[in-house]
Protein backbone atom coordinates (compact mmCIF):
# COMPACT_ATOMS: atom_id res chain seq x y z
CA MET A 1 97.26 101.15 96.79
CA ASP A 2 94.46 100.59 99.29
CA THR A 3 95.88 97.21 100.18
CA ILE A 4 99.34 98.61 100.89
CA ALA A 5 97.83 101.54 102.91
CA SER A 6 95.87 99.01 104.95
CA LEU A 7 98.96 96.83 105.55
CA LEU A 8 100.90 99.92 106.73
CA SER A 9 98.05 100.91 109.02
CA CYS A 10 97.89 97.40 110.54
CA ALA A 11 101.74 97.64 111.18
CA PHE A 12 101.78 101.20 112.50
CA GLU A 13 98.58 100.90 114.60
CA GLY A 14 99.50 97.69 116.41
CA GLY A 15 101.58 95.04 114.68
CA SER A 16 104.96 96.78 114.80
CA ASN A 17 104.62 98.83 117.96
CA TYR A 18 107.09 96.71 119.82
CA TRP A 19 110.08 97.74 117.62
CA TYR A 20 109.47 100.96 115.75
CA PHE A 21 109.11 104.63 116.37
CA ILE A 22 108.47 107.33 113.59
CA GLU A 23 111.10 109.97 114.06
CA ASN A 24 110.29 112.26 111.15
CA TYR A 25 107.52 112.81 108.57
CA LYS A 26 108.26 114.33 105.20
CA ALA A 27 105.09 115.54 103.53
CA PRO A 28 104.88 115.16 99.73
CA LYS A 29 104.20 118.28 97.69
CA THR A 30 100.86 116.72 96.52
CA LEU A 31 98.84 113.88 97.75
CA SER A 32 97.85 111.91 94.62
CA TYR A 33 96.92 109.01 96.92
CA LYS A 34 95.09 109.45 100.21
CA MET A 35 93.27 106.97 102.46
CA ASP A 36 89.59 107.68 102.95
CA GLY A 37 89.35 109.38 106.34
CA PRO A 38 86.61 111.24 108.11
CA ASP A 39 86.31 114.81 107.15
CA GLY A 40 89.29 114.62 104.71
CA THR A 41 91.72 113.61 107.37
CA THR A 42 95.32 112.98 106.16
CA PHE A 43 96.94 109.95 107.76
CA SER A 44 100.61 110.93 107.61
CA HIS A 45 101.87 107.46 108.57
CA THR A 46 100.22 105.88 105.53
CA ASP A 47 99.62 108.70 103.09
CA TYR A 48 103.02 110.34 103.02
CA PRO A 49 105.11 107.36 102.09
CA LEU A 50 102.58 106.32 99.34
CA ASN A 51 103.13 109.56 97.44
CA ASP A 52 106.07 110.83 95.45
CA GLY A 53 108.30 112.96 97.68
CA GLY A 54 106.66 111.75 100.97
CA GLU A 55 108.78 109.78 103.45
CA LEU A 56 108.85 108.57 106.98
CA GLU A 57 111.99 108.09 109.00
CA ILE A 58 111.57 105.04 111.16
CA LEU A 59 113.69 104.28 114.10
CA ASP A 60 114.40 100.58 114.93
CA MET A 61 114.37 100.64 118.72
CA GLU A 62 115.55 97.06 118.98
CA ASN A 63 118.61 97.28 116.67
CA LYS A 64 120.96 99.82 118.19
CA LYS A 65 118.45 102.59 117.38
CA LYS A 66 119.12 102.48 113.63
CA SER A 67 116.91 104.61 111.35
CA TYR A 68 115.34 103.58 108.01
CA LYS A 69 113.56 105.59 105.27
CA LEU A 70 110.12 104.47 104.10
CA ASN A 71 108.99 105.95 100.85
CA LEU A 72 107.28 104.82 97.68
CA ALA A 73 110.40 103.29 96.07
CA ILE A 74 111.21 101.28 99.25
CA ILE A 75 107.61 100.20 99.48
CA LYS A 76 107.65 98.86 95.95
CA LYS A 77 110.82 96.78 96.77
CA GLY A 78 109.25 95.61 100.00
CA TRP A 79 106.10 94.42 98.17
CA LYS A 80 108.26 92.20 95.91
CA VAL A 81 110.06 90.74 99.02
CA PHE A 82 106.66 90.26 100.78
CA ALA A 83 105.35 88.30 97.74
CA GLU A 84 108.48 86.18 97.17
CA LYS A 85 109.64 85.40 100.77
CA TYR A 86 106.36 85.35 102.61
CA PRO A 87 103.69 84.00 100.20
CA TRP A 88 101.39 82.93 103.03
CA HIS A 89 101.17 86.43 104.38
CA PHE A 90 100.96 87.84 100.90
CA ALA A 91 98.09 85.56 100.03
CA ASN A 92 96.40 86.29 103.27
CA ALA A 93 96.47 90.01 102.41
CA ILE A 94 95.76 89.84 98.67
CA VAL A 95 93.59 86.73 98.08
CA GLU A 96 91.87 86.45 101.42
CA GLU A 97 91.85 90.21 102.17
CA GLN A 98 92.53 89.26 105.80
CA MET A 99 95.03 91.85 106.95
CA ASP A 100 95.84 91.92 110.56
CA ALA A 101 98.64 93.28 112.89
CA GLU A 102 100.92 90.36 112.11
CA THR A 103 100.63 90.61 108.37
CA GLY A 104 101.16 94.42 108.57
CA ASP A 105 104.27 93.87 110.62
CA VAL A 106 105.74 91.38 108.13
CA PHE A 107 105.05 93.69 105.35
CA LEU A 108 106.71 96.69 107.08
CA GLN A 109 109.78 94.56 107.89
CA CYS A 110 110.00 93.46 104.30
CA CYS A 111 110.07 97.08 103.26
CA LEU A 112 112.67 98.26 105.78
CA PHE A 113 114.86 95.13 106.25
CA GLY A 114 114.20 92.98 103.21
CA GLU A 115 113.24 90.11 105.47
CA LEU A 116 111.41 89.27 108.66
CA ILE A 117 113.76 90.02 111.66
CA TYR A 118 111.30 90.35 114.57
CA GLY A 119 108.48 87.99 115.42
């Protein structure tokens, strides 16, 4: 889960800033997974969608302002797409542990679109 949280962080904190906007946050009832933050900080952009019942509504500002849901089920599907369609980025994240803004952006697009659309 830490790898996925790091990929989402890379996307939301730089890699995908050119096309996305988080419209709404839906907090899960409980946080069974939580990134390590200072003083117990909750990172809603990574923690919420990695927990059952948590979700983000993400606006695609480049594509006629269409919205997409990001939750645990969608992340699981995106992970599979990421591994199958973009093995170089997948290996970079998993084997090399070299996550950056580009890799995070590719992962987020795999989750929301099922492929790389931008970049």
